[in-house]
Amino acid sequence: YIDPPYNTGAKDWKYNNDYVESEDLYRHSKWLAFMER
């Protein structure tokens, strides 16, 4: 059972030590790569 970060763009998770914000053009693909691994 998992409840992963929802990727709302509100600094709710990090990718490579950086918070992913709503303005990030690669926001969704970063999340998908994060989840896929």
Full PDB file with SEQRES, HELIX, SHEET, SSBOND, CRYST1, ORIGX, SCALE, CONECT and MASTER records, all heavy atoms in Angstrom:
SEQRES   1 A   37  TYR ILE ASP PRO PRO TYR ASN THR GLY ALA LYS ASP TRP          
SEQRES   2 A   37  LYS TYR ASN ASN ASP TYR VAL GLU SER GLU ASP LEU TYR          
SEQRES   3 A   37  ARG HIS SER LYS TRP LEU ALA PHE MET GLU ARG                  
HELIX    1 AA1 ARG A   27  GLU A   36  1                                  10    
SHEET    1 AA1 2 ALA A  10  TYR A  15  0                                        
SHEET    2 AA1 2 ASP A  18  GLU A  21 -1                                        
CRYST1    1.000    1.000    1.000  90.00  90.00  90.00 P 1           1          
ORIGX1      1.000000  0.000000  0.000000        0.00000                         
ORIGX2      0.000000  1.000000  0.000000        0.00000                         
ORIGX3      0.000000  0.000000  1.000000        0.00000                         
SCALE1      1.000000  0.000000  0.000000        0.00000                         
SCALE2      0.000000  1.000000  0.000000        0.00000                         
SCALE3      0.000000  0.000000  1.000000        0.00000                         
ATOM      1  N   TYR A   1       0.872  -1.179   0.000  1.00  0.00           N  
ATOM      2  CA  TYR A   1       0.000   0.000   0.000  1.00  0.00           C  
ATOM      3  C   TYR A   1       0.903   1.223   0.000  1.00  0.00           C  
ATOM      4  O   TYR A   1       1.771   1.356   0.883  1.00  0.00           O  
ATOM      5  CB  TYR A   1      -0.907   0.034   1.231  1.00  0.00           C  
ATOM      6  CG  TYR A   1      -1.711   1.322   1.317  1.00  0.00           C  
ATOM      7  CD1 TYR A   1      -2.992   1.389   0.796  1.00  0.00           C  
ATOM      8  CD2 TYR A   1      -1.166   2.473   1.885  1.00  0.00           C  
ATOM      9  CE1 TYR A   1      -3.726   2.569   0.847  1.00  0.00           C  
ATOM     10  CE2 TYR A   1      -1.886   3.666   1.926  1.00  0.00           C  
ATOM     11  CZ  TYR A   1      -3.159   3.699   1.412  1.00  0.00           C  
ATOM     12  OH  TYR A   1      -3.864   4.874   1.448  1.00  0.00           O  
ATOM     13  N   ILE A   2       0.723   2.107  -0.982  1.00  0.00           N  
ATOM     14  CA  ILE A   2       1.543   3.320  -1.022  1.00  0.00           C  
ATOM     15  C   ILE A   2       0.673   4.542  -1.284  1.00  0.00           C  
ATOM     16  O   ILE A   2      -0.340   4.469  -1.981  1.00  0.00           O  
ATOM     17  CB  ILE A   2       2.667   3.244  -2.082  1.00  0.00           C  
ATOM     18  CG1 ILE A   2       2.106   2.877  -3.461  1.00  0.00           C  
ATOM     19  CG2 ILE A   2       3.755   2.284  -1.652  1.00  0.00           C  
ATOM     20  CD1 ILE A   2       3.150   2.935  -4.566  1.00  0.00           C  
ATOM     21  N   ASP A   3       1.096   5.646  -0.711  1.00  0.00           N  
ATOM     22  CA  ASP A   3       0.456   6.948  -0.886  1.00  0.00           C  
ATOM     23  C   ASP A   3       1.572   7.911  -1.284  1.00  0.00           C  
ATOM     24  O   ASP A   3       2.087   8.659  -0.456  1.00  0.00           O  
ATOM     25  CB  ASP A   3      -0.206   7.356   0.442  1.00  0.00           C  
ATOM     26  CG  ASP A   3      -0.946   8.674   0.335  1.00  0.00           C  
ATOM     27  OD1 ASP A   3      -1.315   9.056  -0.789  1.00  0.00           O  
ATOM     28  OD2 ASP A   3      -1.145   9.325   1.376  1.00  0.00           O  
ATOM     29  N   PRO A   4       2.005   7.865  -2.562  1.00  0.00           N  
ATOM     30  CA  PRO A   4       3.183   8.629  -2.978  1.00  0.00           C  
ATOM     31  C   PRO A   4       2.926  10.121  -3.026  1.00  0.00           C  
ATOM     32  O   PRO A   4       1.773  10.571  -2.910  1.00  0.00           O  
ATOM     33  CB  PRO A   4       3.461   8.076  -4.386  1.00  0.00           C  
ATOM     34  CG  PRO A   4       2.122   7.657  -4.889  1.00  0.00           C  
ATOM     35  CD  PRO A   4       1.388   7.140  -3.678  1.00  0.00           C  
ATOM     36  N   PRO A   5       3.972  10.939  -3.214  1.00  0.00           N  
ATOM     37  CA  PRO A   5       3.753  12.381  -3.387  1.00  0.00           C  
ATOM     38  C   PRO A   5       2.800  12.631  -4.553  1.00  0.00           C  
ATOM     39  O   PRO A   5       2.903  11.979  -5.597  1.00  0.00           O  
ATOM     40  CB  PRO A   5       5.160  12.915  -3.693  1.00  0.00           C  
ATOM     41  CG  PRO A   5       6.097  11.884  -3.173  1.00  0.00           C  
ATOM     42  CD  PRO A   5       5.401  10.575  -3.307  1.00  0.00           C  
ATOM     43  N   TYR A   6       1.892  13.570  -4.371  1.00  0.00           N  
ATOM     44  CA  TYR A   6       0.871  13.803  -5.396  1.00  0.00           C  
ATOM     45  C   TYR A   6       1.334  14.755  -6.494  1.00  0.00           C  
ATOM     46  O   TYR A   6       0.614  14.984  -7.462  1.00  0.00           O  
ATOM     47  CB  TYR A   6      -0.409  14.335  -4.741  1.00  0.00           C  
ATOM     48  CG  TYR A   6      -1.208  13.274  -4.019  1.00  0.00           C  
ATOM     49  CD1 TYR A   6      -2.369  13.598  -3.336  1.00  0.00           C  
ATOM     50  CD2 TYR A   6      -0.795  11.936  -4.014  1.00  0.00           C  
ATOM     51  CE1 TYR A   6      -3.110  12.626  -2.680  1.00  0.00           C  
ATOM     52  CE2 TYR A   6      -1.523  10.970  -3.354  1.00  0.00           C  
ATOM     53  CZ  TYR A   6      -2.677  11.312  -2.689  1.00  0.00           C  
ATOM     54  OH  TYR A   6      -3.396  10.345  -2.040  1.00  0.00           O  
ATOM     55  N   ASN A   7       2.522  15.330  -6.330  1.00  0.00           N  
ATOM     56  CA  ASN A   7       3.090  16.208  -7.353  1.00  0.00           C  
ATOM     57  C   ASN A   7       2.162  17.375  -7.665  1.00  0.00           C  
ATOM     58  O   ASN A   7       1.827  17.641  -8.822  1.00  0.00           O  
ATOM     59  CB  ASN A   7       3.404  15.413  -8.634  1.00  0.00           C  
ATOM     60  CG  ASN A   7       4.354  16.169  -9.558  1.00  0.00           C  
ATOM     61  OD1 ASN A   7       5.044  17.086  -9.147  1.00  0.00           O  
ATOM     62  ND2 ASN A   7       4.376  15.772 -10.822  1.00  0.00           N  
ATOM     63  N   THR A   8       1.772  18.071  -6.617  1.00  0.00           N  
ATOM     64  CA  THR A   8       0.865  19.208  -6.771  1.00  0.00           C  
ATOM     65  C   THR A   8       1.585  20.467  -7.241  1.00  0.00           C  
ATOM     66  O   THR A   8       0.940  21.458  -7.596  1.00  0.00           O  
ATOM     67  CB  THR A   8       0.184  19.522  -5.430  1.00  0.00           C  
ATOM     68  OG1 THR A   8       1.189  19.925  -4.482  1.00  0.00           O  
ATOM     69  CG2 THR A   8      -0.565  18.310  -4.904  1.00  0.00           C  
ATOM     70  N   GLY A   9       2.916  20.439  -7.205  1.00  0.00           N  
ATOM     71  CA  GLY A   9       3.689  21.635  -7.523  1.00  0.00           C  
ATOM     72  C   GLY A   9       3.918  22.524  -6.331  1.00  0.00           C  
ATOM     73  O   GLY A   9       4.493  23.606  -6.451  1.00  0.00           O  
ATOM     74  N   ALA A  10       3.506  22.062  -5.162  1.00  0.00           N  
ATOM     75  CA  ALA A  10       3.605  22.883  -3.944  1.00  0.00           C  
ATOM     76  C   ALA A  10       4.754  22.413  -3.057  1.00  0.00           C  
ATOM     77  O   ALA A  10       4.628  22.368  -1.840  1.00  0.00           O  
ATOM     78  CB  ALA A  10       2.296  22.831  -3.176  1.00  0.00           C  
ATOM     79  N   LYS A  11       5.873  22.056  -3.666  1.00  0.00           N  
ATOM     80  CA  LYS A  11       7.061  21.606  -2.932  1.00  0.00           C  
ATOM     81  C   LYS A  11       6.740  20.434  -2.001  1.00  0.00           C  
ATOM     82  O   LYS A  11       7.140  20.416  -0.840  1.00  0.00           O  
ATOM     83  CB  LYS A  11       7.673  22.755  -2.124  1.00  0.00           C  
ATOM     84  CG  LYS A  11       8.285  23.859  -2.974  1.00  0.00           C  
ATOM     85  CD  LYS A  11       9.020  24.888  -2.116  1.00  0.00           C  
ATOM     86  CE  LYS A  11       9.704  25.941  -2.968  1.00  0.00           C  
ATOM     87  NZ  LYS A  11      10.451  26.914  -2.159  1.00  0.00           N  
ATOM     88  N   ASP A  12       5.992  19.450  -2.525  1.00  0.00           N  
ATOM     89  CA  ASP A  12       5.650  18.305  -1.682  1.00  0.00           C  
ATOM     90  C   ASP A  12       6.588  17.119  -1.881  1.00  0.00           C  
ATOM     91  O   ASP A  12       6.418  16.095  -1.255  1.00  0.00           O  
ATOM     92  CB  ASP A  12       4.189  17.883  -1.920  1.00  0.00           C  
ATOM     93  CG  ASP A  12       3.916  17.527  -3.382  1.00  0.00           C  
ATOM     94  OD1 ASP A  12       4.737  17.872  -4.239  1.00  0.00           O  
ATOM     95  OD2 ASP A  12       2.866  16.899  -3.643  1.00  0.00           O  
ATOM     96  N   TRP A  13       7.575  17.269  -2.792  1.00  0.00           N  
ATOM     97  CA  TRP A  13       8.570  16.199  -2.920  1.00  0.00           C  
ATOM     98  C   TRP A  13       9.804  16.728  -3.648  1.00  0.00           C  
ATOM     99  O   TRP A  13       9.771  17.761  -4.308  1.00  0.00           O  
ATOM    100  CB  TRP A  13       7.991  14.981  -3.646  1.00  0.00           C  
ATOM    101  CG  TRP A  13       7.728  15.184  -5.116  1.00  0.00           C  
ATOM    102  CD1 TRP A  13       6.734  15.926  -5.669  1.00  0.00           C  
ATOM    103  CD2 TRP A  13       8.491  14.653  -6.201  1.00  0.00           C  
ATOM    104  NE1 TRP A  13       6.807  15.877  -7.025  1.00  0.00           N  
ATOM    105  CE2 TRP A  13       7.863  15.105  -7.395  1.00  0.00           C  
ATOM    106  CE3 TRP A  13       9.604  13.830  -6.300  1.00  0.00           C  
ATOM    107  CZ2 TRP A  13       8.344  14.768  -8.657  1.00  0.00           C  
ATOM    108  CZ3 TRP A  13      10.075  13.491  -7.558  1.00  0.00           C  
ATOM    109  CH2 TRP A  13       9.451  13.954  -8.712  1.00  0.00           C  
ATOM    110  N   LYS A  14      10.898  15.990  -3.500  1.00  0.00           N  
ATOM    111  CA  LYS A  14      12.177  16.383  -4.088  1.00  0.00           C  
ATOM    112  C   LYS A  14      12.584  15.421  -5.192  1.00  0.00           C  
ATOM    113  O   LYS A  14      12.293  14.230  -5.136  1.00  0.00           O  
ATOM    114  CB  LYS A  14      13.283  16.384  -3.022  1.00  0.00           C  
ATOM    115  CG  LYS A  14      13.328  17.599  -2.132  1.00  0.00           C  
ATOM    116  CD  LYS A  14      14.523  17.518  -1.195  1.00  0.00           C  
ATOM    117  CE  LYS A  14      14.684  18.790  -0.370  1.00  0.00           C  
ATOM    118  NZ  LYS A  14      15.877  18.721   0.510  1.00  0.00           N  
ATOM    119  N   TYR A  15      13.273  15.968  -6.194  1.00  0.00           N  
ATOM    120  CA  TYR A  15      13.936  15.146  -7.205  1.00  0.00           C  
ATOM    121  C   TYR A  15      15.359  15.658  -7.315  1.00  0.00           C  
ATOM    122  O   TYR A  15      15.579  16.834  -7.596  1.00  0.00           O  
ATOM    123  CB  TYR A  15      13.223  15.246  -8.553  1.00  0.00           C  
ATOM    124  CG  TYR A  15      13.714  14.240  -9.570  1.00  0.00           C  
ATOM    125  CD1 TYR A  15      13.113  12.984  -9.661  1.00  0.00           C  
ATOM    126  CD2 TYR A  15      14.777  14.525 -10.406  1.00  0.00           C  
ATOM    127  CE1 TYR A  15      13.560  12.049 -10.578  1.00  0.00           C  
ATOM    128  CE2 TYR A  15      15.232  13.593 -11.318  1.00  0.00           C  
ATOM    129  CZ  TYR A  15      14.629  12.356 -11.413  1.00  0.00           C  
ATOM    130  OH  TYR A  15      15.078  11.424 -12.317  1.00  0.00           O  
ATOM    131  N   ASN A  16      16.317  14.784  -7.045  1.00  0.00           N  
ATOM    132  CA  ASN A  16      17.727  15.186  -7.043  1.00  0.00           C  
ATOM    133  C   ASN A  16      17.993  16.380  -6.131  1.00  0.00           C  
ATOM    134  O   ASN A  16      18.620  17.365  -6.513  1.00  0.00           O  
ATOM    135  CB  ASN A  16      18.209  15.496  -8.464  1.00  0.00           C  
ATOM    136  CG  ASN A  16      18.669  14.265  -9.189  1.00  0.00           C  
ATOM    137  OD1 ASN A  16      18.958  13.245  -8.569  1.00  0.00           O  
ATOM    138  ND2 ASN A  16      18.735  14.338 -10.498  1.00  0.00           N  
ATOM    139  N   ASN A  17      17.473  16.269  -4.903  1.00  0.00           N  
ATOM    140  CA  ASN A  17      17.732  17.245  -3.856  1.00  0.00           C  
ATOM    141  C   ASN A  17      17.091  18.605  -4.107  1.00  0.00           C  
ATOM    142  O   ASN A  17      17.394  19.571  -3.425  1.00  0.00           O  
ATOM    143  CB  ASN A  17      19.252  17.431  -3.643  1.00  0.00           C  
ATOM    144  CG  ASN A  17      19.577  17.901  -2.241  1.00  0.00           C  
ATOM    145  OD1 ASN A  17      18.994  17.427  -1.274  1.00  0.00           O  
ATOM    146  ND2 ASN A  17      20.492  18.844  -2.122  1.00  0.00           N  
ATOM    147  N   ASP A  18      16.210  18.711  -5.110  1.00  0.00           N  
ATOM    148  CA  ASP A  18      15.506  19.960  -5.382  1.00  0.00           C  
ATOM    149  C   ASP A  18      14.009  19.723  -5.290  1.00  0.00           C  
ATOM    150  O   ASP A  18      13.497  18.734  -5.830  1.00  0.00           O  
ATOM    151  CB  ASP A  18      15.826  20.482  -6.798  1.00  0.00           C  
ATOM    152  CG  ASP A  18      17.213  21.086  -6.881  1.00  0.00           C  
ATOM    153  OD1 ASP A  18      17.693  21.582  -5.851  1.00  0.00           O  
ATOM    154  OD2 ASP A  18      17.810  21.056  -7.971  1.00  0.00           O  
ATOM    155  N   TYR A  19      13.297  20.659  -4.648  1.00  0.00           N  
ATOM    156  CA  TYR A  19      11.845  20.566  -4.632  1.00  0.00           C  
ATOM    157  C   TYR A  19      11.304  20.830  -6.041  1.00  0.00           C  
ATOM    158  O   TYR A  19      11.771  21.738  -6.736  1.00  0.00           O  
ATOM    159  CB  TYR A  19      11.245  21.562  -3.646  1.00  0.00           C  
ATOM    160  CG  TYR A  19      11.395  21.133  -2.212  1.00  0.00           C  
ATOM    161  CD1 TYR A  19      12.347  21.719  -1.381  1.00  0.00           C  
ATOM    162  CD2 TYR A  19      10.600  20.115  -1.692  1.00  0.00           C  
ATOM    163  CE1 TYR A  19      12.499  21.309  -0.064  1.00  0.00           C  
ATOM    164  CE2 TYR A  19      10.742  19.698  -0.379  1.00  0.00           C  
ATOM    165  CZ  TYR A  19      11.691  20.291   0.426  1.00  0.00           C  
ATOM    166  OH  TYR A  19      11.843  19.869   1.724  1.00  0.00           O  
ATOM    167  N   VAL A  20      10.342  20.029  -6.463  1.00  0.00           N  
ATOM    168  CA  VAL A  20       9.736  20.180  -7.778  1.00  0.00           C  
ATOM    169  C   VAL A  20       8.532  21.104  -7.646  1.00  0.00           C  
ATOM    170  O   VAL A  20       7.587  20.812  -6.910  1.00  0.00           O  
ATOM    171  CB  VAL A  20       9.315  18.810  -8.353  1.00  0.00           C  
ATOM    172  CG1 VAL A  20       8.665  18.988  -9.725  1.00  0.00           C  
ATOM    173  CG2 VAL A  20      10.532  17.896  -8.457  1.00  0.00           C  
ATOM    174  N   GLU A  21       8.565  22.230  -8.371  1.00  0.00           N  
ATOM    175  CA  GLU A  21       7.508  23.228  -8.271  1.00  0.00           C  
ATOM    176  C   GLU A  21       6.638  23.223  -9.523  1.00  0.00           C  
ATOM    177  O   GLU A  21       6.979  22.602 -10.538  1.00  0.00           O  
ATOM    178  CB  GLU A  21       8.129  24.612  -8.039  1.00  0.00           C  
ATOM    179  CG  GLU A  21       9.000  24.663  -6.783  1.00  0.00           C  
ATOM    180  CD  GLU A  21       9.474  26.060  -6.460  1.00  0.00           C  
ATOM    181  OE1 GLU A  21       8.613  26.955  -6.325  1.00  0.00           O  
ATOM    182  OE2 GLU A  21      10.681  26.261  -6.332  1.00  0.00           O  
ATOM    183  N   SER A  22       5.521  23.909  -9.463  1.00  0.00           N  
ATOM    184  CA  SER A  22       4.538  23.876 -10.547  1.00  0.00           C  
ATOM    185  C   SER A  22       5.090  24.448 -11.848  1.00  0.00           C  
ATOM    186  O   SER A  22       4.643  24.089 -12.934  1.00  0.00           O  
ATOM    187  CB  SER A  22       3.278  24.634 -10.132  1.00  0.00           C  
ATOM    188  OG  SER A  22       3.598  25.970  -9.781  1.00  0.00           O  
ATOM    189  N   GLU A  23       6.090  25.348 -11.772  1.00  0.00           N  
ATOM    190  CA  GLU A  23       6.641  25.960 -12.981  1.00  0.00           C  
ATOM    191  C   GLU A  23       7.659  25.063 -13.681  1.00  0.00           C  
ATOM    192  O   GLU A  23       8.106  25.373 -14.782  1.00  0.00           O  
ATOM    193  CB  GLU A  23       7.316  27.298 -12.641  1.00  0.00           C  
ATOM    194  CG  GLU A  23       6.364  28.375 -12.142  1.00  0.00           C  
ATOM    195  CD  GLU A  23       6.033  28.212 -10.665  1.00  0.00           C  
ATOM    196  OE1 GLU A  23       6.703  27.399  -9.994  1.00  0.00           O  
ATOM    197  OE2 GLU A  23       5.089  28.881 -10.193  1.00  0.00           O  
ATOM    198  N   ASP A  24       8.039  23.966 -13.063  1.00  0.00           N  
ATOM    199  CA  ASP A  24       9.038  23.074 -13.646  1.00  0.00           C  
ATOM    200  C   ASP A  24       8.461  22.416 -14.902  1.00  0.00           C  
ATOM    201  O   ASP A  24       7.474  21.683 -14.844  1.00  0.00           O  
ATOM    202  CB  ASP A  24       9.427  22.005 -12.618  1.00  0.00           C  
ATOM    203  CG  ASP A  24      10.650  21.204 -13.048  1.00  0.00           C  
ATOM    204  OD1 ASP A  24      10.820  20.976 -14.258  1.00  0.00           O  
ATOM    205  OD2 ASP A  24      11.418  20.800 -12.161  1.00  0.00           O  
ATOM    206  N   LEU A  25       9.088  22.653 -16.076  1.00  0.00           N  
ATOM    207  CA  LEU A  25       8.588  22.098 -17.331  1.00  0.00           C  
ATOM    208  C   LEU A  25       8.646  20.579 -17.355  1.00  0.00           C  
ATOM    209  O   LEU A  25       7.911  19.938 -18.105  1.00  0.00           O  
ATOM    210  CB  LEU A  25       9.388  22.667 -18.508  1.00  0.00           C  
ATOM    211  CG  LEU A  25       9.251  24.177 -18.755  1.00  0.00           C  
ATOM    212  CD1 LEU A  25      10.128  24.609 -19.918  1.00  0.00           C  
ATOM    213  CD2 LEU A  25       7.797  24.542 -19.021  1.00  0.00           C  
ATOM    214  N   TYR A  26       9.523  20.004 -16.537  1.00  0.00           N  
ATOM    215  CA  TYR A  26       9.684  18.555 -16.519  1.00  0.00           C  
ATOM    216  C   TYR A  26       9.054  17.931 -15.269  1.00  0.00           C  
ATOM    217  O   TYR A  26       9.393  16.828 -14.880  1.00  0.00           O  
ATOM    218  CB  TYR A  26      11.172  18.185 -16.590  1.00  0.00           C  
ATOM    219  CG  TYR A  26      11.787  18.481 -17.935  1.00  0.00           C  
ATOM    220  CD1 TYR A  26      12.415  19.691 -18.179  1.00  0.00           C  
ATOM    221  CD2 TYR A  26      11.716  17.556 -18.967  1.00  0.00           C  
ATOM    222  CE1 TYR A  26      12.972  19.979 -19.412  1.00  0.00           C  
ATOM    223  CE2 TYR A  26      12.277  17.821 -20.206  1.00  0.00           C  
ATOM    224  CZ  TYR A  26      12.904  19.038 -20.420  1.00  0.00           C  
ATOM    225  OH  TYR A  26      13.436  19.298 -21.649  1.00  0.00           O  
ATOM    226  N   ARG A  27       8.127  18.684 -14.675  1.00  0.00           N  
ATOM    227  CA  ARG A  27       7.530  18.240 -13.412  1.00  0.00           C  
ATOM    228  C   ARG A  27       6.921  16.839 -13.513  1.00  0.00           C  
ATOM    229  O   ARG A  27       7.166  15.975 -12.669  1.00  0.00           O  
ATOM    230  CB  ARG A  27       6.473  19.260 -12.992  1.00  0.00           C  
ATOM    231  CG  ARG A  27       5.563  18.845 -11.856  1.00  0.00           C  
ATOM    232  CD  ARG A  27       4.552  19.949 -11.597  1.00  0.00           C  
ATOM    233  NE  ARG A  27       3.292  19.428 -11.123  1.00  0.00           N  
ATOM    234  CZ  ARG A  27       2.134  20.069 -11.230  1.00  0.00           C  
ATOM    235  NH1 ARG A  27       2.102  21.253 -11.811  1.00  0.00           N  
ATOM    236  NH2 ARG A  27       1.039  19.529 -10.766  1.00  0.00           N  
ATOM    237  N   HIS A  28       6.140  16.586 -14.543  1.00  0.00           N  
ATOM    238  CA  HIS A  28       5.448  15.306 -14.646  1.00  0.00           C  
ATOM    239  C   HIS A  28       6.395  14.171 -15.028  1.00  0.00           C  
ATOM    240  O   HIS A  28       6.289  13.063 -14.504  1.00  0.00           O  
ATOM    241  CB  HIS A  28       4.295  15.405 -15.643  1.00  0.00           C  
ATOM    242  CG  HIS A  28       3.245  16.386 -15.246  1.00  0.00           C  
ATOM    243  ND1 HIS A  28       2.472  16.220 -14.114  1.00  0.00           N  
ATOM    244  CD2 HIS A  28       2.854  17.563 -15.802  1.00  0.00           C  
ATOM    245  CE1 HIS A  28       1.636  17.254 -13.998  1.00  0.00           C  
ATOM    246  NE2 HIS A  28       1.853  18.073 -15.006  1.00  0.00           N  
ATOM    247  N   SER A  29       7.328  14.437 -15.926  1.00  0.00           N  
ATOM    248  CA  SER A  29       8.233  13.360 -16.316  1.00  0.00           C  
ATOM    249  C   SER A  29       9.206  13.018 -15.189  1.00  0.00           C  
ATOM    250  O   SER A  29       9.607  11.865 -15.033  1.00  0.00           O  
ATOM    251  CB  SER A  29       8.988  13.719 -17.600  1.00  0.00           C  
ATOM    252  OG  SER A  29       9.768  14.879 -17.426  1.00  0.00           O  
ATOM    253  N   LYS A  30       9.579  14.011 -14.371  1.00  0.00           N  
ATOM    254  CA  LYS A  30      10.408  13.704 -13.205  1.00  0.00           C  
ATOM    255  C   LYS A  30       9.655  12.776 -12.251  1.00  0.00           C  
ATOM    256  O   LYS A  30      10.213  11.823 -11.708  1.00  0.00           O  
ATOM    257  CB  LYS A  30      10.812  14.995 -12.480  1.00  0.00           C  
ATOM    258  CG  LYS A  30      11.892  15.792 -13.184  1.00  0.00           C  
ATOM    259  CD  LYS A  30      12.236  17.057 -12.402  1.00  0.00           C  
ATOM    260  CE  LYS A  30      13.349  17.841 -13.082  1.00  0.00           C  
ATOM    261  NZ  LYS A  30      13.677  19.095 -12.341  1.00  0.00           N  
ATOM    262  N   TRP A  31       8.378  13.083 -12.046  1.00  0.00           N  
ATOM    263  CA  TRP A  31       7.569  12.257 -11.144  1.00  0.00           C  
ATOM    264  C   TRP A  31       7.436  10.837 -11.685  1.00  0.00           C  
ATOM    265  O   TRP A  31       7.531   9.861 -10.943  1.00  0.00           O  
ATOM    266  CB  TRP A  31       6.192  12.900 -10.967  1.00  0.00           C  
ATOM    267  CG  TRP A  31       5.339  12.251  -9.916  1.00  0.00           C  
ATOM    268  CD1 TRP A  31       5.333  12.539  -8.581  1.00  0.00           C  
ATOM    269  CD2 TRP A  31       4.372  11.219 -10.117  1.00  0.00           C  
ATOM    270  NE1 TRP A  31       4.416  11.745  -7.928  1.00  0.00           N  
ATOM    271  CE2 TRP A  31       3.816  10.926  -8.843  1.00  0.00           C  
ATOM    272  CE3 TRP A  31       3.928  10.518 -11.223  1.00  0.00           C  
ATOM    273  CZ2 TRP A  31       2.835   9.953  -8.671  1.00  0.00           C  
ATOM    274  CZ3 TRP A  31       2.948   9.547 -11.049  1.00  0.00           C  
ATOM    275  CH2 TRP A  31       2.409   9.273  -9.781  1.00  0.00           C  
ATOM    276  N   LEU A  32       7.219  10.703 -12.983  1.00  0.00           N  
ATOM    277  CA  LEU A  32       7.073   9.381 -13.582  1.00  0.00           C  
ATOM    278  C   LEU A  32       8.374   8.584 -13.481  1.00  0.00           C  
ATOM    279  O   LEU A  32       8.360   7.383 -13.188  1.00  0.00           O  
ATOM    280  CB  LEU A  32       6.642   9.512 -15.043  1.00  0.00           C  
ATOM    281  CG  LEU A  32       5.190   9.955 -15.254  1.00  0.00           C  
ATOM    282  CD1 LEU A  32       4.961  10.372 -16.699  1.00  0.00           C  
ATOM    283  CD2 LEU A  32       4.228   8.836 -14.866  1.00  0.00           C  
ATOM    284  N   ALA A  33       9.508   9.257 -13.723  1.00  0.00           N  
ATOM    285  CA  ALA A  33      10.795   8.569 -13.592  1.00  0.00           C  
ATOM    286  C   ALA A  33      11.026   8.136 -12.151  1.00  0.00           C  
ATOM    287  O   ALA A  33      11.498   7.023 -11.882  1.00  0.00           O  
ATOM    288  CB  ALA A  33      11.920   9.491 -14.064  1.00  0.00           C  
ATOM    289  N   PHE A  34      10.701   9.025 -11.229  1.00  0.00           N  
ATOM    290  CA  PHE A  34      10.807   8.751  -9.792  1.00  0.00           C  
ATOM    291  C   PHE A  34       9.978   7.525  -9.409  1.00  0.00           C  
ATOM    292  O   PHE A  34      10.439   6.617  -8.713  1.00  0.00           O  
ATOM    293  CB  PHE A  34      10.332  10.012  -9.061  1.00  0.00           C  
ATOM    294  CG  PHE A  34      10.095   9.896  -7.587  1.00  0.00           C  
ATOM    295  CD1 PHE A  34      11.121  10.101  -6.689  1.00  0.00           C  
ATOM    296  CD2 PHE A  34       8.819   9.631  -7.092  1.00  0.00           C  
ATOM    297  CE1 PHE A  34      10.895  10.039  -5.321  1.00  0.00           C  
ATOM    298  CE2 PHE A  34       8.577   9.562  -5.735  1.00  0.00           C  
ATOM    299  CZ  PHE A  34       9.618   9.768  -4.841  1.00  0.00           C  
ATOM    300  N   MET A  35       8.735   7.479  -9.868  1.00  0.00           N  
ATOM    301  CA  MET A  35       7.844   6.376  -9.533  1.00  0.00           C  
ATOM    302  C   MET A  35       8.249   5.081 -10.230  1.00  0.00           C  
ATOM    303  O   MET A  35       8.207   3.995  -9.634  1.00  0.00           O  
ATOM    304  CB  MET A  35       6.401   6.736  -9.895  1.00  0.00           C  
ATOM    305  CG  MET A  35       5.773   7.793  -9.000  1.00  0.00           C  
ATOM    306  SD  MET A  35       5.605   7.232  -7.288  1.00  0.00           S  
ATOM    307  CE  MET A  35       4.471   5.860  -7.480  1.00  0.00           C  
ATOM    308  N   GLU A  36       8.612   5.172 -11.504  1.00  0.00           N  
ATOM    309  CA  GLU A  36       8.934   3.963 -12.263  1.00  0.00           C  
ATOM    310  C   GLU A  36      10.080   3.186 -11.616  1.00  0.00           C  
ATOM    311  O   GLU A  36      10.027   1.958 -11.505  1.00  0.00           O  
ATOM    312  CB  GLU A  36       9.299   4.332 -13.700  1.00  0.00           C  
ATOM    313  CG  GLU A  36       9.575   3.102 -14.572  1.00  0.00           C  
ATOM    314  CD  GLU A  36      10.077   3.479 -15.946  1.00  0.00           C  
ATOM    315  OE1 GLU A  36      10.951   4.377 -16.042  1.00  0.00           O  
ATOM    316  OE2 GLU A  36       9.622   2.871 -16.932  1.00  0.00           O  
ATOM    317  N   ARG A  37      11.129   3.901 -11.178  1.00  0.00           N  
ATOM    318  CA  ARG A  37      12.277   3.223 -10.569  1.00  0.00           C  
ATOM    319  C   ARG A  37      11.853   2.421  -9.341  1.00  0.00           C  
ATOM    320  O   ARG A  37      12.317   1.306  -9.118  1.00  0.00           O  
ATOM    321  CB  ARG A  37      13.339   4.248 -10.189  1.00  0.00           C  
ATOM    322  CG  ARG A  37      14.008   4.920 -11.380  1.00  0.00           C  
ATOM    323  CD  ARG A  37      15.147   5.831 -10.932  1.00  0.00           C  
ATOM    324  NE  ARG A  37      15.755   6.456 -12.088  1.00  0.00           N  
ATOM    325  CZ  ARG A  37      15.687   7.766 -12.370  1.00  0.00           C  
ATOM    326  NH1 ARG A  37      15.038   8.570 -11.548  1.00  0.00           N  
ATOM    327  NH2 ARG A  37      16.256   8.252 -13.446  1.00  0.00           N  
TER     328      ARG A  37                                                      
MASTER        0    0    0    1    2    0    0    6  327    1    0    3          
END                                                                             
